[in-house]
């Protein structure tokens, strides 16, 4: 059955999500996707996707508990379908001052294959689902599978959503990677300004087991852990931190490289880890 949100809530989410400054024509950053922060400051953002999934246990409550215990800010990208299935968990995450919430679409589709109307529907339904439980809609958006093009970024920007990618896929969905391999990879690959992507909706992943050592290791290397919004300060962002999108069929990119075909760079990350 298709999960829906009332039309009135969708309208409310749109109103909450699109501030007047963003609606103004000619906004210079409406076709930019953030892949990392400035390389001049030793700050890293840990991000977690809560994908809409058929998994019978779609929430790993250990992860926010670890983040709270260690005092780690994080950005969590929430699927609208997940929000409908786990409203109490969503409310707890939204009430935690360490966390900020982003939009991760409603049904986790391949957006570059969708029409503009379908893209907007995915985003608006998610905005409405989140706003209905938290009273506010996100201003950040992460496309599923790391896939986006000029239409996806433009449609998101029209709804007041800044597209956020990553430059460090943790590889946590890869069943061949152990907890120790994930820790080694993230600590080795982290750079100033890195945005790390992990998952919070699959308890079978090794994310929760790896997280304390990742946090400890990053801090030992002198990194401050911050939310994505802290990395988006315009004055400190170099041109390389964003990907300018133009043309009707711009390829999905992360930084200057084409995104791998597998989810969140899983295959490329696994190869780098196992070879190292």
C-alpha atoms as a PDB file:
ATOM      1  CA  UNK A   1       0.000   0.000   0.000  1.00  0.00           C
ATOM      2  CA  UNK A   2       1.297   3.448  -0.890  1.00  0.00           C
ATOM      3  CA  UNK A   3       1.952   5.473   2.237  1.00  0.00           C
ATOM      4  CA  UNK A   4       0.646   8.999   1.940  1.00  0.00           C
ATOM      5  CA  UNK A   5       0.615  12.219   3.919  1.00  0.00           C
ATOM      6  CA  UNK A   6      -2.295  14.666   3.942  1.00  0.00           C
ATOM      7  CA  UNK A   7      -2.196  17.417   1.331  1.00  0.00           C
ATOM      8  CA  UNK A   8      -2.410  20.060   4.032  1.00  0.00           C
ATOM      9  CA  UNK A   9       0.749  18.731   5.643  1.00  0.00           C
ATOM     10  CA  UNK A  10       2.528  18.746   2.300  1.00  0.00           C
ATOM     11  CA  UNK A  11       1.630  22.414   1.914  1.00  0.00           C
ATOM     12  CA  UNK A  12       2.858  23.120   5.439  1.00  0.00           C
ATOM     13  CA  UNK A  13       6.142  21.362   4.740  1.00  0.00           C
ATOM     14  CA  UNK A  14       6.667  23.389   1.594  1.00  0.00           C
ATOM     15  CA  UNK A  15       6.027  26.615   3.495  1.00  0.00           C
ATOM     16  CA  UNK A  16       8.428  25.629   6.262  1.00  0.00           C
ATOM     17  CA  UNK A  17      11.088  24.426   3.861  1.00  0.00           C
ATOM     18  CA  UNK A  18      11.358  27.383   1.510  1.00  0.00           C
ATOM     19  CA  UNK A  19      12.487  30.587   3.237  1.00  0.00           C
ATOM     20  CA  UNK A  20      11.970  33.823   1.352  1.00  0.00           C
ATOM     21  CA  UNK A  21      15.692  34.244   0.737  1.00  0.00           C
ATOM     22  CA  UNK A  22      15.807  30.921  -1.074  1.00  0.00           C
ATOM     23  CA  UNK A  23      12.731  31.692  -3.142  1.00  0.00           C
ATOM     24  CA  UNK A  24      14.390  34.821  -4.463  1.00  0.00           C
ATOM     25  CA  UNK A  25      15.476  34.473  -8.073  1.00  0.00           C
ATOM     26  CA  UNK A  26      19.132  34.350  -8.948  1.00  0.00           C
ATOM     27  CA  UNK A  27      20.358  32.644  -5.798  1.00  0.00           C
ATOM     28  CA  UNK A  28      23.956  31.750  -6.662  1.00  0.00           C
ATOM     29  CA  UNK A  29      24.149  28.445  -4.773  1.00  0.00           C
ATOM     30  CA  UNK A  30      20.924  26.811  -5.948  1.00  0.00           C
ATOM     31  CA  UNK A  31      22.748  24.499  -8.373  1.00  0.00           C
ATOM     32  CA  UNK A  32      25.590  23.396  -6.128  1.00  0.00           C
ATOM     33  CA  UNK A  33      25.985  20.117  -4.305  1.00  0.00           C
ATOM     34  CA  UNK A  34      28.205  20.006  -1.229  1.00  0.00           C
ATOM     35  CA  UNK A  35      30.692  17.136  -1.127  1.00  0.00           C
ATOM     36  CA  UNK A  36      32.977  18.359   1.680  1.00  0.00           C
ATOM     37  CA  UNK A  37      33.856  21.381   3.769  1.00  0.00           C
ATOM     38  CA  UNK A  38      36.961  23.501   3.637  1.00  0.00           C
ATOM     39  CA  UNK A  39      40.233  21.570   3.686  1.00  0.00           C
ATOM     40  CA  UNK A  40      41.809  24.339   5.766  1.00  0.00           C
ATOM     41  CA  UNK A  41      40.056  23.360   9.012  1.00  0.00           C
ATOM     42  CA  UNK A  42      40.328  20.006  10.757  1.00  0.00           C
ATOM     43  CA  UNK A  43      36.615  19.356  10.997  1.00  0.00           C
ATOM     44  CA  UNK A  44      34.694  16.256   9.908  1.00  0.00           C
ATOM     45  CA  UNK A  45      30.938  15.695   9.662  1.00  0.00           C
ATOM     46  CA  UNK A  46      29.562  12.261  10.484  1.00  0.00           C
ATOM     47  CA  UNK A  47      26.312  11.667   8.619  1.00  0.00           C
ATOM     48  CA  UNK A  48      23.860   8.784   8.824  1.00  0.00           C
ATOM     49  CA  UNK A  49      21.189   7.743   6.352  1.00  0.00           C
ATOM     50  CA  UNK A  50      17.864   6.391   7.598  1.00  0.00           C
ATOM     51  CA  UNK A  51      16.710   4.848   4.347  1.00  0.00           C
ATOM     52  CA  UNK A  52      13.179   3.679   3.727  1.00  0.00           C
ATOM     53  CA  UNK A  53      13.621  -0.084   3.723  1.00  0.00           C
ATOM     54  CA  UNK A  54      11.771  -3.384   3.975  1.00  0.00           C
ATOM     55  CA  UNK A  55      14.116  -4.488   6.724  1.00  0.00           C
ATOM     56  CA  UNK A  56      12.055  -5.872   9.639  1.00  0.00           C
ATOM     57  CA  UNK A  57      14.239  -3.875  12.057  1.00  0.00           C
ATOM     58  CA  UNK A  58      14.716  -0.507  10.325  1.00  0.00           C
ATOM     59  CA  UNK A  59      16.415   1.383  13.158  1.00  0.00           C
ATOM     60  CA  UNK A  60      19.658   0.798  15.025  1.00  0.00           C
ATOM     61  CA  UNK A  61      19.025   2.604  18.309  1.00  0.00           C
ATOM     62  CA  UNK A  62      22.574   1.832  19.438  1.00  0.00           C
ATOM     63  CA  UNK A  63      23.976   4.502  17.104  1.00  0.00           C
ATOM     64  CA  UNK A  64      22.259   7.610  18.531  1.00  0.00           C
ATOM     65  CA  UNK A  65      22.968   6.240  22.025  1.00  0.00           C
ATOM     66  CA  UNK A  66      26.682   6.041  21.205  1.00  0.00           C
ATOM     67  CA  UNK A  67      26.678   9.525  19.696  1.00  0.00           C
ATOM     68  CA  UNK A  68      24.986  10.900  22.814  1.00  0.00           C
ATOM     69  CA  UNK A  69      27.363   9.106  25.161  1.00  0.00           C
ATOM     70  CA  UNK A  70      30.393  10.443  23.292  1.00  0.00           C
ATOM     71  CA  UNK A  71      28.922  13.914  22.713  1.00  0.00           C
ATOM     72  CA  UNK A  72      29.145  13.697  18.914  1.00  0.00           C
ATOM     73  CA  UNK A  73      27.083  16.028  16.699  1.00  0.00           C
ATOM     74  CA  UNK A  74      25.689  14.352  13.596  1.00  0.00           C
ATOM     75  CA  UNK A  75      23.509  14.957  10.555  1.00  0.00           C
ATOM     76  CA  UNK A  76      20.845  12.320   9.900  1.00  0.00           C
ATOM     77  CA  UNK A  77      19.136  12.031   6.509  1.00  0.00           C
ATOM     78  CA  UNK A  78      15.654  10.618   7.049  1.00  0.00           C
ATOM     79  CA  UNK A  79      13.571   8.684   4.553  1.00  0.00           C
ATOM     80  CA  UNK A  80       9.912   9.680   4.532  1.00  0.00           C
ATOM     81  CA  UNK A  81       8.750   6.076   4.509  1.00  0.00           C
ATOM     82  CA  UNK A  82      10.997   5.386   7.482  1.00  0.00           C
ATOM     83  CA  UNK A  83       9.548   8.419   9.287  1.00  0.00           C
ATOM     84  CA  UNK A  84       6.038   7.053   8.798  1.00  0.00           C
ATOM     85  CA  UNK A  85       7.064   3.658  10.175  1.00  0.00           C
ATOM     86  CA  UNK A  86       9.144   4.924  13.118  1.00  0.00           C
ATOM     87  CA  UNK A  87       7.446   8.145  14.357  1.00  0.00           C
ATOM     88  CA  UNK A  88       8.577   7.822  17.966  1.00  0.00           C
ATOM     89  CA  UNK A  89      12.195   7.247  16.987  1.00  0.00           C
ATOM     90  CA  UNK A  90      11.974  10.267  14.676  1.00  0.00           C
ATOM     91  CA  UNK A  91      10.680  12.449  17.492  1.00  0.00           C
ATOM     92  CA  UNK A  92      13.519  11.373  19.770  1.00  0.00           C
ATOM     93  CA  UNK A  93      16.113  12.163  17.115  1.00  0.00           C
ATOM     94  CA  UNK A  94      14.555  15.554  16.387  1.00  0.00           C
ATOM     95  CA  UNK A  95      14.522  16.453  20.079  1.00  0.00           C
ATOM     96  CA  UNK A  96      18.226  15.705  20.519  1.00  0.00           C
ATOM     97  CA  UNK A  97      20.288  18.926  20.253  1.00  0.00           C
ATOM     98  CA  UNK A  98      23.269  16.975  18.918  1.00  0.00           C
ATOM     99  CA  UNK A  99      21.421  15.998  15.756  1.00  0.00           C
ATOM    100  CA  UNK A 100      20.132  17.821  12.698  1.00  0.00           C
ATOM    101  CA  UNK A 101      17.771  16.112  10.253  1.00  0.00           C
ATOM    102  CA  UNK A 102      17.856  16.063   6.464  1.00  0.00           C
ATOM    103  CA  UNK A 103      15.600  14.740   3.697  1.00  0.00           C
ATOM    104  CA  UNK A 104      16.482  11.367   2.123  1.00  0.00           C
ATOM    105  CA  UNK A 105      13.387  11.038  -0.135  1.00  0.00           C
ATOM    106  CA  UNK A 106      10.267   9.062   0.665  1.00  0.00           C
ATOM    107  CA  UNK A 107      10.817   5.686  -1.024  1.00  0.00           C
ATOM    108  CA  UNK A 108      14.588   5.737  -1.777  1.00  0.00           C
ATOM    109  CA  UNK A 109      14.302   5.800  -5.593  1.00  0.00           C
ATOM    110  CA  UNK A 110      16.868   6.407  -8.320  1.00  0.00           C
ATOM    111  CA  UNK A 111      15.964  10.084  -8.732  1.00  0.00           C
ATOM    112  CA  UNK A 112      17.859  10.627 -11.979  1.00  0.00           C
ATOM    113  CA  UNK A 113      15.384   8.239 -13.640  1.00  0.00           C
ATOM    114  CA  UNK A 114      12.356  10.125 -12.301  1.00  0.00           C
ATOM    115  CA  UNK A 115      10.431  13.022 -13.783  1.00  0.00           C
ATOM    116  CA  UNK A 116      10.521  16.456 -12.174  1.00  0.00           C
ATOM    117  CA  UNK A 117       7.060  15.839 -10.753  1.00  0.00           C
ATOM    118  CA  UNK A 118       8.164  12.543  -9.232  1.00  0.00           C
ATOM    119  CA  UNK A 119      11.272  14.137  -7.722  1.00  0.00           C
ATOM    120  CA  UNK A 120       9.225  16.907  -6.135  1.00  0.00           C
ATOM    121  CA  UNK A 121       6.697  14.393  -4.830  1.00  0.00           C
ATOM    122  CA  UNK A 122       9.450  12.332  -3.175  1.00  0.00           C
ATOM    123  CA  UNK A 123      10.881  15.407  -1.498  1.00  0.00           C
ATOM    124  CA  UNK A 124       7.602  17.027  -0.475  1.00  0.00           C
ATOM    125  CA  UNK A 125       6.127  13.850   0.988  1.00  0.00           C
ATOM    126  CA  UNK A 126       9.263  13.461   3.071  1.00  0.00           C
ATOM    127  CA  UNK A 127       9.189  17.083   4.195  1.00  0.00           C
ATOM    128  CA  UNK A 128       5.577  16.601   5.252  1.00  0.00           C
ATOM    129  CA  UNK A 129       6.226  13.325   7.076  1.00  0.00           C
ATOM    130  CA  UNK A 130       9.087  14.863   9.066  1.00  0.00           C
ATOM    131  CA  UNK A 131       7.308  18.158   9.763  1.00  0.00           C
ATOM    132  CA  UNK A 132       4.184  16.344  10.963  1.00  0.00           C
ATOM    133  CA  UNK A 133       6.136  14.744  13.818  1.00  0.00           C
ATOM    134  CA  UNK A 134       8.763  17.397  14.559  1.00  0.00           C
ATOM    135  CA  UNK A 135       7.109  20.726  13.670  1.00  0.00           C
ATOM    136  CA  UNK A 136       9.849  21.684  11.237  1.00  0.00           C
ATOM    137  CA  UNK A 137      11.037  20.549   7.827  1.00  0.00           C
ATOM    138  CA  UNK A 138      14.656  19.914   6.827  1.00  0.00           C
ATOM    139  CA  UNK A 139      16.764  22.270   4.740  1.00  0.00           C
ATOM    140  CA  UNK A 140      19.319  19.628   3.723  1.00  0.00           C
ATOM    141  CA  UNK A 141      18.807  16.788   1.248  1.00  0.00           C
ATOM    142  CA  UNK A 142      20.812  13.723   0.279  1.00  0.00           C
ATOM    143  CA  UNK A 143      19.827  11.804  -2.861  1.00  0.00           C
ATOM    144  CA  UNK A 144      19.694   8.010  -2.536  1.00  0.00           C
ATOM    145  CA  UNK A 145      22.617   5.996  -3.914  1.00  0.00           C
ATOM    146  CA  UNK A 146      24.641   9.208  -4.317  1.00  0.00           C
ATOM    147  CA  UNK A 147      22.859   9.767  -7.653  1.00  0.00           C
ATOM    148  CA  UNK A 148      21.904  13.245  -8.805  1.00  0.00           C
ATOM    149  CA  UNK A 149      21.971  15.498 -11.848  1.00  0.00           C
ATOM    150  CA  UNK A 150      21.050  19.080 -12.672  1.00  0.00           C
ATOM    151  CA  UNK A 151      17.302  18.397 -12.465  1.00  0.00           C
ATOM    152  CA  UNK A 152      17.538  16.748  -9.051  1.00  0.00           C
ATOM    153  CA  UNK A 153      19.608  19.579  -7.581  1.00  0.00           C
ATOM    154  CA  UNK A 154      17.420  22.246  -9.198  1.00  0.00           C
ATOM    155  CA  UNK A 155      14.158  20.662  -8.018  1.00  0.00           C
ATOM    156  CA  UNK A 156      15.531  20.310  -4.490  1.00  0.00           C
ATOM    157  CA  UNK A 157      16.733  23.917  -4.454  1.00  0.00           C
ATOM    158  CA  UNK A 158      13.298  25.118  -5.555  1.00  0.00           C
ATOM    159  CA  UNK A 159      11.939  23.519  -2.380  1.00  0.00           C
ATOM    160  CA  UNK A 160      14.591  25.141  -0.191  1.00  0.00           C
ATOM    161  CA  UNK A 161      16.734  22.024   0.074  1.00  0.00           C
ATOM    162  CA  UNK A 162      20.522  22.119  -0.281  1.00  0.00           C
ATOM    163  CA  UNK A 163      21.945  18.946  -1.831  1.00  0.00           C
ATOM    164  CA  UNK A 164      24.571  17.263   0.359  1.00  0.00           C
ATOM    165  CA  UNK A 165      26.812  14.481  -0.843  1.00  0.00           C
ATOM    166  CA  UNK A 166      29.963  13.087   0.779  1.00  0.00           C
ATOM    167  CA  UNK A 167      33.600  12.441   0.025  1.00  0.00           C
ATOM    168  CA  UNK A 168      34.086   9.504   2.389  1.00  0.00           C
ATOM    169  CA  UNK A 169      31.783   6.482   2.015  1.00  0.00           C
ATOM    170  CA  UNK A 170      32.306   4.285   5.070  1.00  0.00           C
ATOM    171  CA  UNK A 171      31.386   1.115   3.187  1.00  0.00           C
ATOM    172  CA  UNK A 172      29.220  -0.093   6.070  1.00  0.00           C
ATOM    173  CA  UNK A 173      26.641  -1.767   3.751  1.00  0.00           C
ATOM    174  CA  UNK A 174      29.332  -4.141   2.447  1.00  0.00           C
ATOM    175  CA  UNK A 175      28.805  -7.548   4.109  1.00  0.00           C
ATOM    176  CA  UNK A 176      32.438  -8.451   3.389  1.00  0.00           C
ATOM    177  CA  UNK A 177      33.821  -5.617   5.524  1.00  0.00           C
ATOM    178  CA  UNK A 178      34.482  -6.273   9.194  1.00  0.00           C
ATOM    179  CA  UNK A 179      34.159  -3.689  11.920  1.00  0.00           C
ATOM    180  CA  UNK A 180      37.936  -3.315  12.015  1.00  0.00           C
ATOM    181  CA  UNK A 181      38.137  -2.806   8.239  1.00  0.00           C
ATOM    182  CA  UNK A 182      35.554  -0.020   8.381  1.00  0.00           C
ATOM    183  CA  UNK A 183      37.425   1.694  11.211  1.00  0.00           C
ATOM    184  CA  UNK A 184      40.767   1.456   9.409  1.00  0.00           C
ATOM    185  CA  UNK A 185      39.329   2.809   6.173  1.00  0.00           C
ATOM    186  CA  UNK A 186      37.533   5.801   7.673  1.00  0.00           C
ATOM    187  CA  UNK A 187      40.495   6.826   9.825  1.00  0.00           C
ATOM    188  CA  UNK A 188      42.892   6.483   6.924  1.00  0.00           C
ATOM    189  CA  UNK A 189      40.728   8.286   4.359  1.00  0.00           C
ATOM    190  CA  UNK A 190      39.418  11.156   6.516  1.00  0.00           C
ATOM    191  CA  UNK A 191      40.597  14.608   5.454  1.00  0.00           C
ATOM    192  CA  UNK A 192      39.864  18.079   6.783  1.00  0.00           C
ATOM    193  CA  UNK A 193      36.295  18.898   5.785  1.00  0.00           C
ATOM    194  CA  UNK A 194      35.313  15.302   5.036  1.00  0.00           C
ATOM    195  CA  UNK A 195      31.664  14.263   5.059  1.00  0.00           C
ATOM    196  CA  UNK A 196      31.399  10.610   6.116  1.00  0.00           C
ATOM    197  CA  UNK A 197      28.306   8.594   5.193  1.00  0.00           C
ATOM    198  CA  UNK A 198      27.094   5.711   7.343  1.00  0.00           C
ATOM    199  CA  UNK A 199      23.721   4.110   8.018  1.00  0.00           C
ATOM    200  CA  UNK A 200      21.407   3.997  11.009  1.00  0.00           C
ATOM    201  CA  UNK A 201      18.680   1.711   9.668  1.00  0.00           C
ATOM    202  CA  UNK A 202      20.403  -1.681   9.468  1.00  0.00           C
ATOM    203  CA  UNK A 203      21.385  -3.242  12.820  1.00  0.00           C
ATOM    204  CA  UNK A 204      23.077  -6.070  10.929  1.00  0.00           C
ATOM    205  CA  UNK A 205      25.687  -3.627   9.596  1.00  0.00           C
ATOM    206  CA  UNK A 206      28.859  -3.174  11.654  1.00  0.00           C
ATOM    207  CA  UNK A 207      28.249   0.571  11.993  1.00  0.00           C
ATOM    208  CA  UNK A 208      27.463   0.607  15.710  1.00  0.00           C
ATOM    209  CA  UNK A 209      30.442  -1.602  16.519  1.00  0.00           C
ATOM    210  CA  UNK A 210      32.807   0.585  14.477  1.00  0.00           C
ATOM    211  CA  UNK A 211      31.480   3.969  15.582  1.00  0.00           C
ATOM    212  CA  UNK A 212      33.220   4.377  18.975  1.00  0.00           C
ATOM    213  CA  UNK A 213      36.636   3.618  17.478  1.00  0.00           C
ATOM    214  CA  UNK A 214      35.954   5.921  14.523  1.00  0.00           C
ATOM    215  CA  UNK A 215      35.077   8.774  16.873  1.00  0.00           C
ATOM    216  CA  UNK A 216      38.060   8.096  19.128  1.00  0.00           C
ATOM    217  CA  UNK A 217      40.425   7.822  16.161  1.00  0.00           C
ATOM    218  CA  UNK A 218      39.234  10.988  14.460  1.00  0.00           C
ATOM    219  CA  UNK A 219      39.530  12.980  17.667  1.00  0.00           C
ATOM    220  CA  UNK A 220      42.990  11.538  18.286  1.00  0.00           C
ATOM    221  CA  UNK A 221      43.989  12.867  14.862  1.00  0.00           C
ATOM    222  CA  UNK A 222      42.861  16.330  15.916  1.00  0.00           C
ATOM    223  CA  UNK A 223      39.528  16.438  14.069  1.00  0.00           C
ATOM    224  CA  UNK A 224      36.558  18.313  15.482  1.00  0.00           C
ATOM    225  CA  UNK A 225      33.276  16.522  14.762  1.00  0.00           C
ATOM    226  CA  UNK A 226      30.522  18.847  13.555  1.00  0.00           C
ATOM    227  CA  UNK A 227      27.175  18.847  11.772  1.00  0.00           C
ATOM    228  CA  UNK A 228      27.003  19.382   8.014  1.00  0.00           C
ATOM    229  CA  UNK A 229      25.487  22.820   8.561  1.00  0.00           C
ATOM    230  CA  UNK A 230      28.760  23.848  10.197  1.00  0.00           C
ATOM    231  CA  UNK A 231      30.646  22.820   7.071  1.00  0.00           C
ATOM    232  CA  UNK A 232      28.347  24.926   4.869  1.00  0.00           C
ATOM    233  CA  UNK A 233      29.554  28.320   6.060  1.00  0.00           C
ATOM    234  CA  UNK A 234      29.888  30.159   2.734  1.00  0.00           C
ATOM    235  CA  UNK A 235      32.886  32.227   3.794  1.00  0.00           C
ATOM    236  CA  UNK A 236      35.024  29.158   4.437  1.00  0.00           C
ATOM    237  CA  UNK A 237      34.045  26.955   1.499  1.00  0.00           C
ATOM    238  CA  UNK A 238      36.588  26.662  -1.341  1.00  0.00           C
ATOM    239  CA  UNK A 239      35.315  26.166  -4.923  1.00  0.00           C
ATOM    240  CA  UNK A 240      36.368  22.498  -4.847  1.00  0.00           C
ATOM    241  CA  UNK A 241      33.961  21.758  -2.000  1.00  0.00           C
ATOM    242  CA  UNK A 242      30.911  22.089  -4.221  1.00  0.00           C
ATOM    243  CA  UNK A 243      30.012  20.572  -7.540  1.00  0.00           C
ATOM    244  CA  UNK A 244      28.530  23.040 -10.010  1.00  0.00           C
ATOM    245  CA  UNK A 245      25.730  21.420 -12.012  1.00  0.00           C
ATOM    246  CA  UNK A 246      24.764  22.608 -15.472  1.00  0.00           C
ATOM    247  CA  UNK A 247      23.100  21.174 -18.523  1.00  0.00           C
ATOM    248  CA  UNK A 248      20.109  18.842 -18.742  1.00  0.00           C
ATOM    249  CA  UNK A 249      22.069  15.603 -18.351  1.00  0.00           C
ATOM    250  CA  UNK A 250      24.975  16.410 -16.066  1.00  0.00           C
ATOM    251  CA  UNK A 251      26.428  13.166 -14.670  1.00  0.00           C
ATOM    252  CA  UNK A 252      26.158  12.260 -11.025  1.00  0.00           C
ATOM    253  CA  UNK A 253      29.427  13.351  -9.454  1.00  0.00           C
ATOM    254  CA  UNK A 254      31.190  13.472  -6.132  1.00  0.00           C
ATOM    255  CA  UNK A 255      33.890  16.126  -6.180  1.00  0.00           C
ATOM    256  CA  UNK A 256      35.621  15.768  -9.541  1.00  0.00           C
ATOM    257  CA  UNK A 257      35.003  12.033  -9.891  1.00  0.00           C
ATOM    258  CA  UNK A 258      32.089  10.051 -11.278  1.00  0.00           C
ATOM    259  CA  UNK A 259      30.192   8.195  -8.594  1.00  0.00           C
ATOM    260  CA  UNK A 260      30.607   4.418  -8.552  1.00  0.00           C
ATOM    261  CA  UNK A 261      27.650   2.279  -9.529  1.00  0.00           C
ATOM    262  CA  UNK A 262      27.230   0.658  -6.128  1.00  0.00           C
ATOM    263  CA  UNK A 263      25.506   2.284  -3.181  1.00  0.00           C
ATOM    264  CA  UNK A 264      27.626   4.952  -1.439  1.00  0.00           C
ATOM    265  CA  UNK A 265      30.847   3.966  -3.145  1.00  0.00           C
ATOM    266  CA  UNK A 266      30.727   0.495  -1.615  1.00  0.00           C
ATOM    267  CA  UNK A 267      32.758  -1.265  -4.294  1.00  0.00           C
ATOM    268  CA  UNK A 268      35.443   1.429  -4.563  1.00  0.00           C
ATOM    269  CA  UNK A 269      35.753   1.671  -0.785  1.00  0.00           C
ATOM    270  CA  UNK A 270      36.025  -2.069  -0.364  1.00  0.00           C
ATOM    271  CA  UNK A 271      38.762  -2.303  -2.973  1.00  0.00           C
ATOM    272  CA  UNK A 272      40.759   0.491  -1.346  1.00  0.00           C
ATOM    273  CA  UNK A 273      40.378  -1.059   2.081  1.00  0.00           C
ATOM    274  CA  UNK A 274      41.323  -4.574   1.102  1.00  0.00           C
ATOM    275  CA  UNK A 275      44.296  -3.417  -0.945  1.00  0.00           C
ATOM    276  CA  UNK A 276      45.535  -1.294   1.975  1.00  0.00           C
END
